[in-house]
Structure formats: C-alpha cells, structure tokens
PDB file of N, CA and C in Angstrom:
ATOM      1  N   MET A   1     181.718 -53.035 104.241  1.00  0.00           N
ATOM      2  CA  MET A   1     182.024 -53.664 102.958  1.00  0.00           C
ATOM      3  C   MET A   1     182.006 -52.595 101.875  1.00  0.00           C
ATOM      4  N   ASN A   2     182.968 -52.624 101.001  1.00  0.00           N
ATOM      5  CA  ASN A   2     183.078 -51.656  99.930  1.00  0.00           C
ATOM      6  C   ASN A   2     182.392 -52.220  98.685  1.00  0.00           C
ATOM      7  N   MET A   3     181.163 -51.789  98.440  1.00  0.00           N
ATOM      8  CA  MET A   3     180.366 -52.296  97.334  1.00  0.00           C
ATOM      9  C   MET A   3     180.709 -51.524  96.059  1.00  0.00           C
ATOM     10  N   LYS A   4     181.008 -52.247  94.989  1.00  0.00           N
ATOM     11  CA  LYS A   4     181.250 -51.610  93.699  1.00  0.00           C
ATOM     12  C   LYS A   4     179.901 -51.379  93.031  1.00  0.00           C
ATOM     13  N   THR A   5     179.717 -50.196  92.480  1.00  0.00           N
ATOM     14  CA  THR A   5     178.441 -49.848  91.862  1.00  0.00           C
ATOM     15  C   THR A   5     178.644 -49.358  90.439  1.00  0.00           C
ATOM     16  N   SER A   6     177.600 -49.537  89.637  1.00  0.00           N
ATOM     17  CA  SER A   6     177.541 -48.884  88.335  1.00  0.00           C
ATOM     18  C   SER A   6     176.569 -47.724  88.485  1.00  0.00           C
ATOM     19  N   THR A   7     176.656 -46.784  87.586  1.00  0.00           N
ATOM     20  CA  THR A   7     175.791 -45.611  87.648  1.00  0.00           C
ATOM     21  C   THR A   7     174.839 -45.619  86.468  1.00  0.00           C
ATOM     22  N   LEU A   8     173.584 -45.436  86.763  1.00  0.00           N
ATOM     23  CA  LEU A   8     172.539 -45.316  85.754  1.00  0.00           C
ATOM     24  C   LEU A   8     172.020 -43.888  85.826  1.00  0.00           C
ATOM     25  N   THR A   9     172.058 -43.184  84.702  1.00  0.00           N
ATOM     26  CA  THR A   9     171.543 -41.821  84.650  1.00  0.00           C
ATOM     27  C   THR A   9     170.338 -41.782  83.723  1.00  0.00           C
ATOM     28  N   ILE A  10     169.215 -41.371  84.278  1.00  0.00           N
ATOM     29  CA  ILE A  10     167.976 -41.222  83.507  1.00  0.00           C
ATOM     30  C   ILE A  10     167.349 -39.896  83.899  1.00  0.00           C
ATOM     31  N   ASP A  11     167.005 -39.109  82.894  1.00  0.00           N
ATOM     32  CA  ASP A  11     166.382 -37.801  83.116  1.00  0.00           C
ATOM     33  C   ASP A  11     167.201 -36.951  84.089  1.00  0.00           C
ATOM     34  N   ASP A  12     168.513 -36.930  83.884  1.00  0.00           N
ATOM     35  CA  ASP A  12     169.454 -36.150  84.695  1.00  0.00           C
ATOM     36  C   ASP A  12     169.497 -36.557  86.164  1.00  0.00           C
ATOM     37  N   LYS A  13     168.996 -37.728  86.490  1.00  0.00           N
ATOM     38  CA  LYS A  13     169.068 -38.247  87.860  1.00  0.00           C
ATOM     39  C   LYS A  13     169.950 -39.493  87.845  1.00  0.00           C
ATOM     40  N   LYS A  14     170.854 -39.590  88.828  1.00  0.00           N
ATOM     41  CA  LYS A  14     171.777 -40.726  88.897  1.00  0.00           C
ATOM     42  C   LYS A  14     171.316 -41.719  89.946  1.00  0.00           C
ATOM     43  N   TYR A  15     171.424 -42.989  89.578  1.00  0.00           N
ATOM     44  CA  TYR A  15     171.100 -44.090  90.477  1.00  0.00           C
ATOM     45  C   TYR A  15     172.320 -44.994  90.549  1.00  0.00           C
ATOM     46  N   LEU A  16     172.680 -45.398  91.765  1.00  0.00           N
ATOM     47  CA  LEU A  16     173.772 -46.345  91.944  1.00  0.00           C
ATOM     48  C   LEU A  16     173.181 -47.746  91.939  1.00  0.00           C
ATOM     49  N   LEU A  17     173.763 -48.614  91.135  1.00  0.00           N
ATOM     50  CA  LEU A  17     173.269 -49.982  91.009  1.00  0.00           C
ATOM     51  C   LEU A  17     174.325 -50.955  91.488  1.00  0.00           C
ATOM     52  N   ALA A  18     173.885 -51.942  92.247  1.00  0.00           N
ATOM     53  CA  ALA A  18     174.786 -52.987  92.735  1.00  0.00           C
ATOM     54  C   ALA A  18     173.951 -54.230  93.013  1.00  0.00           C
ATOM     55  N   TYR A  19     174.604 -55.355  93.044  1.00  0.00           N
ATOM     56  CA  TYR A  19     173.927 -56.602  93.368  1.00  0.00           C
ATOM     57  C   TYR A  19     174.619 -57.282  94.526  1.00  0.00           C
ATOM     58  N   ASP A  20     173.812 -57.884  95.365  1.00  0.00           N
ATOM     59  CA  ASP A  20     174.296 -58.882  96.297  1.00  0.00           C
ATOM     60  C   ASP A  20     173.203 -59.949  96.369  1.00  0.00           C
ATOM     61  N   PHE A  21     173.531 -61.068  96.929  1.00  0.00           N
ATOM     62  CA  PHE A  21     172.584 -62.178  96.934  1.00  0.00           C
ATOM     63  C   PHE A  21     171.300 -61.809  97.663  1.00  0.00           C
ATOM     64  N   ASN A  22     171.429 -61.083  98.764  1.00  0.00           N
ATOM     65  CA  ASN A  22     170.245 -60.716  99.537  1.00  0.00           C
ATOM     66  C   ASN A  22     169.290 -59.836  98.748  1.00  0.00           C
ATOM     67  N   SER A  23     169.816 -58.883  98.001  1.00  0.00           N
ATOM     68  CA  SER A  23     168.921 -58.008  97.235  1.00  0.00           C
ATOM     69  C   SER A  23     168.161 -58.797  96.180  1.00  0.00           C
ATOM     70  N   ILE A  24     168.826 -59.753  95.569  1.00  0.00           N
ATOM     71  CA  ILE A  24     168.167 -60.577  94.555  1.00  0.00           C
ATOM     72  C   ILE A  24     167.109 -61.460  95.207  1.00  0.00           C
ATOM     73  N   ALA A  25     167.466 -62.105  96.313  1.00  0.00           N
ATOM     74  CA  ALA A  25     166.516 -62.986  97.004  1.00  0.00           C
ATOM     75  C   ALA A  25     165.301 -62.214  97.508  1.00  0.00           C
ATOM     76  N   GLU A  26     165.518 -61.011  98.027  1.00  0.00           N
ATOM     77  CA  GLU A  26     164.403 -60.212  98.529  1.00  0.00           C
ATOM     78  C   GLU A  26     163.552 -59.637  97.412  1.00  0.00           C
ATOM     79  N   ALA A  27     164.151 -59.375  96.263  1.00  0.00           N
ATOM     80  CA  ALA A  27     163.405 -58.799  95.141  1.00  0.00           C
ATOM     81  C   ALA A  27     162.577 -59.844  94.388  1.00  0.00           C
ATOM     82  N   GLU A  28     162.992 -61.113  94.428  1.00  0.00           N
ATOM     83  CA  GLU A  28     162.262 -62.140  93.668  1.00  0.00           C
ATOM     84  C   GLU A  28     160.785 -62.223  94.035  1.00  0.00           C
ATOM     85  N   PRO A  29     160.413 -62.327  95.317  1.00  0.00           N
ATOM     86  CA  PRO A  29     158.976 -62.396  95.609  1.00  0.00           C
ATOM     87  C   PRO A  29     158.239 -61.096  95.280  1.00  0.00           C
ATOM     88  N   VAL A  30     158.922 -59.967  95.401  1.00  0.00           N
ATOM     89  CA  VAL A  30     158.309 -58.686  95.056  1.00  0.00           C
ATOM     90  C   VAL A  30     158.074 -58.626  93.545  1.00  0.00           C
ATOM     91  N   ALA A  31     159.088 -59.054  92.780  1.00  0.00           N
ATOM     92  CA  ALA A  31     158.996 -59.027  91.318  1.00  0.00           C
ATOM     93  C   ALA A  31     158.167 -60.184  90.769  1.00  0.00           C
ATOM     94  N   GLY A  32     158.066 -61.267  91.539  1.00  0.00           N
ATOM     95  CA  GLY A  32     157.277 -62.414  91.106  1.00  0.00           C
ATOM     96  C   GLY A  32     157.916 -63.218  89.990  1.00  0.00           C
ATOM     97  N   CYS A  33     159.242 -63.224  89.935  1.00  0.00           N
ATOM     98  CA  CYS A  33     159.913 -63.989  88.884  1.00  0.00           C
ATOM     99  C   CYS A  33     161.326 -64.372  89.331  1.00  0.00           C
ATOM    100  N   ASN A  34     161.942 -65.276  88.575  1.00  0.00           N
ATOM    101  CA  ASN A  34     163.272 -65.790  88.862  1.00  0.00           C
ATOM    102  C   ASN A  34     164.319 -64.807  88.352  1.00  0.00           C
ATOM    103  N   LEU A  35     164.953 -64.087  89.263  1.00  0.00           N
ATOM    104  CA  LEU A  35     165.938 -63.092  88.870  1.00  0.00           C
ATOM    105  C   LEU A  35     167.320 -63.687  88.639  1.00  0.00           C
ATOM    106  N   LEU A  36     167.651 -64.765  89.333  1.00  0.00           N
ATOM    107  CA  LEU A  36     168.949 -65.403  89.078  1.00  0.00           C
ATOM    108  C   LEU A  36     169.029 -65.921  87.650  1.00  0.00           C
ATOM    109  N   ALA A  37     167.947 -66.493  87.167  1.00  0.00           N
ATOM    110  CA  ALA A  37     167.919 -66.977  85.779  1.00  0.00           C
ATOM    111  C   ALA A  37     168.077 -65.811  84.813  1.00  0.00           C
ATOM    112  N   ALA A  38     167.467 -64.692  85.135  1.00  0.00           N
ATOM    113  CA  ALA A  38     167.558 -63.517  84.266  1.00  0.00           C
ATOM    114  C   ALA A  38     168.987 -62.988  84.198  1.00  0.00           C
ATOM    115  N   LEU A  39     169.701 -63.015  85.318  1.00  0.00           N
ATOM    116  CA  LEU A  39     171.080 -62.536  85.326  1.00  0.00           C
ATOM    117  C   LEU A  39     171.985 -63.378  84.451  1.00  0.00           C
ATOM    118  N   GLU A  40     171.651 -64.629  84.302  1.00  0.00           N
ATOM    119  CA  GLU A  40     172.477 -65.517  83.498  1.00  0.00           C
ATOM    120  C   GLU A  40     172.342 -65.245  82.001  1.00  0.00           C
ATOM    121  N   ASN A  41     171.235 -64.621  81.585  1.00  0.00           N
ATOM    122  CA  ASN A  41     171.042 -64.332  80.167  1.00  0.00           C
ATOM    123  C   ASN A  41     170.251 -63.043  80.009  1.00  0.00           C
ATOM    124  N   LEU A  42     170.938 -61.915  80.091  1.00  0.00           N
ATOM    125  CA  LEU A  42     170.271 -60.621  79.996  1.00  0.00           C
ATOM    126  C   LEU A  42     169.684 -60.358  78.617  1.00  0.00           C
ATOM    127  N   ASN A  43     170.047 -61.169  77.621  1.00  0.00           N
ATOM    128  CA  ASN A  43     169.511 -60.977  76.270  1.00  0.00           C
ATOM    129  C   ASN A  43     168.142 -61.608  76.087  1.00  0.00           C
ATOM    130  N   ALA A  44     167.717 -62.439  77.011  1.00  0.00           N
ATOM    131  CA  ALA A  44     166.441 -63.146  76.842  1.00  0.00           C
ATOM    132  C   ALA A  44     165.593 -63.056  78.106  1.00  0.00           C
ATOM    133  N   ILE A  45     165.434 -61.841  78.642  1.00  0.00           N
ATOM    134  CA  ILE A  45     164.664 -61.700  79.869  1.00  0.00           C
ATOM    135  C   ILE A  45     163.295 -61.099  79.574  1.00  0.00           C
ATOM    136  N   THR A  46     162.391 -61.346  80.494  1.00  0.00           N
ATOM    137  CA  THR A  46     161.043 -60.809  80.366  1.00  0.00           C
ATOM    138  C   THR A  46     161.006 -59.386  80.942  1.00  0.00           C
ATOM    139  N   ALA A  47     159.917 -58.688  80.680  1.00  0.00           N
ATOM    140  CA  ALA A  47     159.745 -57.342  81.226  1.00  0.00           C
ATOM    141  C   ALA A  47     159.733 -57.394  82.750  1.00  0.00           C
ATOM    142  N   ALA A  48     159.083 -58.398  83.317  1.00  0.00           N
ATOM    143  CA  ALA A  48     159.036 -58.532  84.775  1.00  0.00           C
ATOM    144  C   ALA A  48     160.433 -58.771  85.350  1.00  0.00           C
ATOM    145  N   GLN A  49     161.231 -59.573  84.671  1.00  0.00           N
ATOM    146  CA  GLN A  49     162.590 -59.826  85.134  1.00  0.00           C
ATOM    147  C   GLN A  49     163.451 -58.565  85.040  1.00  0.00           C
ATOM    148  N   LEU A  50     163.331 -57.818  83.953  1.00  0.00           N
ATOM    149  CA  LEU A  50     164.108 -56.597  83.800  1.00  0.00           C
ATOM    150  C   LEU A  50     163.759 -55.601  84.902  1.00  0.00           C
ATOM    151  N   ARG A  51     162.479 -55.428  85.150  1.00  0.00           N
ATOM    152  CA  ARG A  51     162.040 -54.523  86.213  1.00  0.00           C
ATOM    153  C   ARG A  51     162.536 -55.017  87.571  1.00  0.00           C
ATOM    154  N   GLY A  52     162.440 -56.321  87.817  1.00  0.00           N
ATOM    155  CA  GLY A  52     162.898 -56.897  89.081  1.00  0.00           C
ATOM    156  C   GLY A  52     164.394 -56.755  89.274  1.00  0.00           C
ATOM    157  N   LEU A  53     165.160 -56.927  88.206  1.00  0.00           N
ATOM    158  CA  LEU A  53     166.611 -56.770  88.303  1.00  0.00           C
ATOM    159  C   LEU A  53     166.990 -55.323  88.610  1.00  0.00           C
ATOM    160  N   LEU A  54     166.295 -54.382  87.978  1.00  0.00           N
ATOM    161  CA  LEU A  54     166.576 -52.981  88.265  1.00  0.00           C
ATOM    162  C   LEU A  54     166.229 -52.663  89.718  1.00  0.00           C
ATOM    163  N   TYR A  55     165.101 -53.137  90.170  1.00  0.00           N
ATOM    164  CA  TYR A  55     164.700 -52.925  91.560  1.00  0.00           C
ATOM    165  C   TYR A  55     165.731 -53.528  92.516  1.00  0.00           C
ATOM    166  N   ALA A  56     166.137 -54.760  92.268  1.00  0.00           N
ATOM    167  CA  ALA A  56     167.115 -55.433  93.135  1.00  0.00           C
ATOM    168  C   ALA A  56     168.434 -54.664  93.168  1.00  0.00           C
ATOM    169  N   ALA A  57     168.851 -54.133  92.028  1.00  0.00           N
ATOM    170  CA  ALA A  57     170.108 -53.394  91.971  1.00  0.00           C
ATOM    171  C   ALA A  57     170.004 -52.036  92.657  1.00  0.00           C
ATOM    172  N   MET A  58     168.802 -51.462  92.676  1.00  0.00           N
ATOM    173  CA  MET A  58     168.613 -50.149  93.291  1.00  0.00           C
ATOM    174  C   MET A  58     168.515 -50.216  94.807  1.00  0.00           C
ATOM    175  N   VAL A  59     168.074 -51.342  95.363  1.00  0.00           N
ATOM    176  CA  VAL A  59     167.857 -51.400  96.809  1.00  0.00           C
ATOM    177  C   VAL A  59     169.112 -51.734  97.608  1.00  0.00           C
ATOM    178  N   VAL A  60     170.196 -52.108  96.944  1.00  0.00           N
ATOM    179  CA  VAL A  60     171.441 -52.372  97.670  1.00  0.00           C
ATOM    180  C   VAL A  60     172.013 -51.065  98.223  1.00  0.00           C
ATOM    181  N   THR A  61     172.031 -50.033  97.413  1.00  0.00           N
ATOM    182  CA  THR A  61     172.481 -48.700  97.837  1.00  0.00           C
ATOM    183  C   THR A  61     171.366 -47.712  97.489  1.00  0.00           C
ATOM    184  N   PRO A  62     170.235 -47.796  98.196  1.00  0.00           N
ATOM    185  CA  PRO A  62     169.048 -47.050  97.765  1.00  0.00           C
ATOM    186  C   PRO A  62     169.144 -45.546  97.991  1.00  0.00           C
ATOM    187  N   PRO A  63     168.481 -44.812  97.093  1.00  0.00           N
ATOM    188  CA  PRO A  63     168.316 -43.385  97.380  1.00  0.00           C
ATOM    189  C   PRO A  63     167.336 -43.263  98.548  1.00  0.00           C
ATOM    190  N   ASP A  64     167.179 -42.072  99.061  1.00  0.00           N
ATOM    191  CA  ASP A  64     166.236 -41.886 100.165  1.00  0.00           C
ATOM    192  C   ASP A  64     165.049 -41.093  99.646  1.00  0.00           C
ATOM    193  N   PRO A  65     163.881 -41.609  99.631  1.00  0.00           N
ATOM    194  CA  PRO A  65     163.464 -42.926 100.117  1.00  0.00           C
ATOM    195  C   PRO A  65     163.775 -44.019  99.092  1.00  0.00           C
ATOM    196  N   ALA A  66     163.834 -45.245  99.565  1.00  0.00           N
ATOM    197  CA  ALA A  66     164.096 -46.389  98.690  1.00  0.00           C
ATOM    198  C   ALA A  66     162.973 -46.512  97.660  1.00  0.00           C
ATOM    199  N   PRO A  67     163.313 -46.931  96.448  1.00  0.00           N
ATOM    200  CA  PRO A  67     162.298 -47.028  95.400  1.00  0.00           C
ATOM    201  C   PRO A  67     161.378 -48.233  95.598  1.00  0.00           C
ATOM    202  N   THR A  68     160.215 -48.143  95.009  1.00  0.00           N
ATOM    203  CA  THR A  68     159.308 -49.285  94.945  1.00  0.00           C
ATOM    204  C   THR A  68     159.562 -50.007  93.633  1.00  0.00           C
ATOM    205  N   LEU A  69     158.999 -51.186  93.502  1.00  0.00           N
ATOM    206  CA  LEU A  69     159.110 -51.931  92.249  1.00  0.00           C
ATOM    207  C   LEU A  69     158.522 -51.121  91.102  1.00  0.00           C
ATOM    208  N   ALA A  70     157.380 -50.491  91.322  1.00  0.00           N
ATOM    209  CA  ALA A  70     156.741 -49.689  90.275  1.00  0.00           C
ATOM    210  C   ALA A  70     157.610 -48.495  89.891  1.00  0.00           C
ATOM    211  N   GLN A  71     158.254 -47.859  90.865  1.00  0.00           N
ATOM    212  CA  GLN A  71     159.132 -46.731  90.548  1.00  0.00           C
ATOM    213  C   GLN A  71     160.333 -47.176  89.732  1.00  0.00           C
ATOM    214  N   ALA A  72     160.865 -48.344  90.036  1.00  0.00           N
ATOM    215  CA  ALA A  72     161.960 -48.886  89.226  1.00  0.00           C
ATOM    216  C   ALA A  72     161.459 -49.126  87.803  1.00  0.00           C
ATOM    217  N   GLY A  73     160.280 -49.688  87.678  1.00  0.00           N
ATOM    218  CA  GLY A  73     159.703 -49.939  86.362  1.00  0.00           C
ATOM    219  C   GLY A  73     159.447 -48.677  85.569  1.00  0.00           C
ATOM    220  N   ASP A  74     159.114 -47.584  86.254  1.00  0.00           N
ATOM    221  CA  ASP A  74     158.879 -46.316  85.561  1.00  0.00           C
ATOM    222  C   ASP A  74     160.130 -45.794  84.862  1.00  0.00           C
ATOM    223  N   LEU A  75     161.304 -46.235  85.294  1.00  0.00           N
ATOM    224  CA  LEU A  75     162.557 -45.805  84.669  1.00  0.00           C
ATOM    225  C   LEU A  75     162.836 -46.534  83.361  1.00  0.00           C
ATOM    226  N   ILE A  76     162.132 -47.629  83.126  1.00  0.00           N
ATOM    227  CA  ILE A  76     162.365 -48.432  81.926  1.00  0.00           C
ATOM    228  C   ILE A  76     161.362 -48.003  80.853  1.00  0.00           C
ATOM    229  N   ARG A  77     161.901 -47.386  79.820  1.00  0.00           N
ATOM    230  CA  ARG A  77     161.084 -46.915  78.700  1.00  0.00           C
ATOM    231  C   ARG A  77     161.802 -47.288  77.409  1.00  0.00           C
ATOM    232  N   LEU A  78     161.146 -47.077  76.292  1.00  0.00           N
ATOM    233  CA  LEU A  78     161.782 -47.388  75.013  1.00  0.00           C
ATOM    234  C   LEU A  78     163.092 -46.624  74.839  1.00  0.00           C
ATOM    235  N   ASP A  79     163.145 -45.390  75.324  1.00  0.00           N
ATOM    236  CA  ASP A  79     164.360 -44.593  75.163  1.00  0.00           C
ATOM    237  C   ASP A  79     165.428 -44.891  76.216  1.00  0.00           C
ATOM    238  N   THR A  80     165.106 -45.691  77.243  1.00  0.00           N
ATOM    239  CA  THR A  80     166.085 -45.981  78.300  1.00  0.00           C
ATOM    240  C   THR A  80     166.426 -47.455  78.438  1.00  0.00           C
ATOM    241  N   ILE A  81     165.715 -48.315  77.739  1.00  0.00           N
ATOM    242  CA  ILE A  81     165.869 -49.760  77.977  1.00  0.00           C
ATOM    243  C   ILE A  81     167.299 -50.240  77.731  1.00  0.00           C
ATOM    244  N   GLU A  82     167.958 -49.713  76.707  1.00  0.00           N
ATOM    245  CA  GLU A  82     169.332 -50.140  76.429  1.00  0.00           C
ATOM    246  C   GLU A  82     170.282 -49.639  77.520  1.00  0.00           C
ATOM    247  N   THR A  83     170.111 -48.400  77.943  1.00  0.00           N
ATOM    248  CA  THR A  83     170.938 -47.834  79.006  1.00  0.00           C
ATOM    249  C   THR A  83     170.758 -48.622  80.301  1.00  0.00           C
ATOM    250  N   VAL A  84     169.512 -48.967  80.617  1.00  0.00           N
ATOM    251  CA  VAL A  84     169.218 -49.734  81.829  1.00  0.00           C
ATOM    252  C   VAL A  84     169.893 -51.105  81.754  1.00  0.00           C
ATOM    253  N   THR A  85     169.730 -51.781  80.644  1.00  0.00           N
ATOM    254  CA  THR A  85     170.295 -53.120  80.489  1.00  0.00           C
ATOM    255  C   THR A  85     171.817 -53.107  80.603  1.00  0.00           C
ATOM    256  N   LEU A  86     172.462 -52.125  79.977  1.00  0.00           N
ATOM    257  CA  LEU A  86     173.924 -52.028  80.064  1.00  0.00           C
ATOM    258  C   LEU A  86     174.385 -51.740  81.490  1.00  0.00           C
ATOM    259  N   ALA A  87     173.669 -50.873  82.200  1.00  0.00           N
ATOM    260  CA  ALA A  87     174.032 -50.559  83.593  1.00  0.00           C
ATOM    261  C   ALA A  87     173.842 -51.779  84.488  1.00  0.00           C
ATOM    262  N   LEU A  88     172.786 -52.561  84.234  1.00  0.00           N
ATOM    263  CA  LEU A  88     172.563 -53.776  85.024  1.00  0.00           C
ATOM    264  C   LEU A  88     173.659 -54.802  84.765  1.00  0.00           C
ATOM    265  N   ALA A  89     174.058 -54.945  83.509  1.00  0.00           N
ATOM    266  CA  ALA A  89     175.136 -55.889  83.174  1.00  0.00           C
ATOM    267  C   ALA A  89     176.432 -55.473  83.864  1.00  0.00           C
ATOM    268  N   GLU A  90     176.708 -54.170  83.877  1.00  0.00           N
ATOM    269  CA  GLU A  90     177.917 -53.682  84.554  1.00  0.00           C
ATOM    270  C   GLU A  90     177.839 -53.933  86.061  1.00  0.00           C
ATOM    271  N   ALA A  91     176.672 -53.665  86.658  1.00  0.00           N
ATOM    272  CA  ALA A  91     176.503 -53.907  88.100  1.00  0.00           C
ATOM    273  C   ALA A  91     176.716 -55.378  88.423  1.00  0.00           C
ATOM    274  N   TYR A  92     176.213 -56.254  87.572  1.00  0.00           N
ATOM    275  CA  TYR A  92     176.384 -57.692  87.798  1.00  0.00           C
ATOM    276  C   TYR A  92     177.854 -58.074  87.703  1.00  0.00           C
ATOM    277  N   GLN A  93     178.544 -57.565  86.685  1.00  0.00           N
ATOM    278  CA  GLN A  93     179.973 -57.859  86.547  1.00  0.00           C
ATOM    279  C   GLN A  93     180.754 -57.379  87.764  1.00  0.00           C
ATOM    280  N   LEU A  94     180.429 -56.189  88.240  1.00  0.00           N
ATOM    281  CA  LEU A  94     181.131 -55.632  89.398  1.00  0.00           C
ATOM    282  C   LEU A  94     180.849 -56.392  90.682  1.00  0.00           C
ATOM    283  N   SER A  95     179.727 -57.112  90.717  1.00  0.00           N
ATOM    284  CA  SER A  95     179.377 -57.867  91.922  1.00  0.00           C
ATOM    285  C   SER A  95     180.124 -59.194  92.023  1.00  0.00           C
ATOM    286  N   MET A  96     180.734 -59.612  90.929  1.00  0.00           N
ATOM    287  CA  MET A  96     181.447 -60.881  90.938  1.00  0.00           C
ATOM    288  C   MET A  96     182.742 -60.748  91.735  1.00  0.00           C
ATOM    289  N   PRO A  97     183.070 -61.769  92.518  1.00  0.00           N
ATOM    290  CA  PRO A  97     184.322 -61.704  93.285  1.00  0.00           C
ATOM    291  C   PRO A  97     185.526 -61.723  92.354  1.00  0.00           C
ATOM    292  N   GLU A  98     186.592 -61.130  92.838  1.00  0.00           N
ATOM    293  CA  GLU A  98     187.838 -61.155  92.077  1.00  0.00           C
ATOM    294  C   GLU A  98     188.297 -62.601  91.950  1.00  0.00           C
ATOM    295  N   PRO A  99     188.814 -62.992  90.781  1.00  0.00           N
ATOM    296  CA  PRO A  99     189.308 -64.362  90.653  1.00  0.00           C
ATOM    297  C   PRO A  99     190.479 -64.591  91.607  1.00  0.00           C
ATOM    298  N   ALA A 100     190.485 -65.754  92.206  1.00  0.00           N
ATOM    299  CA  ALA A 100     191.568 -66.098  93.129  1.00  0.00           C
ATOM    300  C   ALA A 100     192.848 -66.297  92.338  1.00  0.00           C
ATOM    301  N   SER A 101     193.923 -65.796  92.872  1.00  0.00           N
ATOM    302  CA  SER A 101     195.190 -66.002  92.183  1.00  0.00           C
ATOM    303  C   SER A 101     195.680 -67.410  92.492  1.00  0.00           C
ATOM    304  N   PRO A 102     196.240 -68.067  91.489  1.00  0.00           N
ATOM    305  CA  PRO A 102     196.715 -69.435  91.721  1.00  0.00           C
ATOM    306  C   PRO A 102     197.878 -69.425  92.705  1.00  0.00           C
ATOM    307  N   PRO A 103     197.966 -70.481  93.513  1.00  0.00           N
ATOM    308  CA  PRO A 103     199.093 -70.542  94.464  1.00  0.00           C
ATOM    309  C   PRO A 103     200.405 -70.636  93.708  1.00  0.00           C
ATOM    310  N   ASP A 104     201.420 -70.096  94.322  1.00  0.00           N
ATOM    311  CA  ASP A 104     202.743 -70.184  93.698  1.00  0.00           C
ATOM    312  C   ASP A 104     203.158 -71.643  93.625  1.00  0.00           C
ATOM    313  N   GLU A 105     203.576 -72.016  92.430  1.00  0.00           N
ATOM    314  CA  GLU A 105     204.031 -73.417  92.252  1.00  0.00           C
ATOM    315  C   GLU A 105     205.495 -73.492  92.662  1.00  0.00           C
ATOM    316  N   PRO A 106     205.847 -74.564  93.347  1.00  0.00           N
ATOM    317  CA  PRO A 106     207.265 -74.718  93.691  1.00  0.00           C
ATOM    318  C   PRO A 106     208.109 -74.863  92.419  1.00  0.00           C
ATOM    319  N   LEU A 107     209.273 -74.312  92.479  1.00  0.00           N
ATOM    320  CA  LEU A 107     210.153 -74.424  91.333  1.00  0.00           C
ATOM    321  C   LEU A 107     210.637 -75.848  91.191  1.00  0.00           C
ATOM    322  N   ALA A 108     210.647 -76.334  89.966  1.00  0.00           N
ATOM    323  CA  ALA A 108     211.139 -77.690  89.707  1.00  0.00           C
ATOM    324  C   ALA A 108     212.666 -77.694  89.879  1.00  0.00           C
ATOM    325  N   PRO A 109     213.171 -78.750  90.530  1.00  0.00           N
ATOM    326  CA  PRO A 109     214.635 -78.821  90.683  1.00  0.00           C
ATOM    327  C   PRO A 109     215.292 -78.955  89.322  1.00  0.00           C
ATOM    328  N   ASN A 110     216.473 -78.367  89.186  1.00  0.00           N
ATOM    329  CA  ASN A 110     217.206 -78.489  87.922  1.00  0.00           C
ATOM    330  C   ASN A 110     217.664 -79.919  87.761  1.00  0.00           C
ATOM    331  N   ALA A 111     217.394 -80.459  86.598  1.00  0.00           N
ATOM    332  CA  ALA A 111     217.774 -81.842  86.358  1.00  0.00           C
ATOM    333  C   ALA A 111     219.128 -81.944  85.750  1.00  0.00           C
TER     334      ALA A 111
END
C-alpha cells in the first residue's frame, strides 16, 4: 500500500507522519484518550490528545527504533506546537480516501 505522509521537521530531524485506523486504535489505550474525537476538531484538543495523535501518526511509518508515547510528547514544545499541529492536520487530510467520481450519466435523448 502506498501511504501518503506529511513531514514534520523538529531540531533538524525529519519524521514521516501518516494515519490509518489501526494506528489510531492502537494509540488510544496508550494515550488514554479518544483520538478520533480529537481528529475531528484539532482546534480544541487536550495535551494528551495532541501527544496521542502525534504518536499514532509516527508509528505508521516509524523511524528505527519506533518512538514511545513519551518521546512523541518530547517533540511538542511551545516553539513546535504549531508546526506539529499543522503536520498532523496535513497527515489526516492525506489519509482520507480520494472522493469517488460520480458515474457517467446517460445522455438524455434529444426531444
């Protein structure tokens, strides 16, 4: 599967971020919060949700070794919070399926 990723750069290190349902489901118990709800409104999320979303996005295409929840949280600081949030929003957008094209409508007969 060709996963689309966004890139988050912090302290000259690049992280590839992506979402799939499994990463979110697996990250929820680790993060201890509802991550699907957080994805629906990135403007009103808690610190735990932000950290959990970053962790979930990092484990789809993890660096070696894969990060821990605490390591993901260490990337979120006052000077990086906006960059992190924008990268997460982009990763979420990229995870959405392409809209289905409408079927071709038959041509109406000339009256």
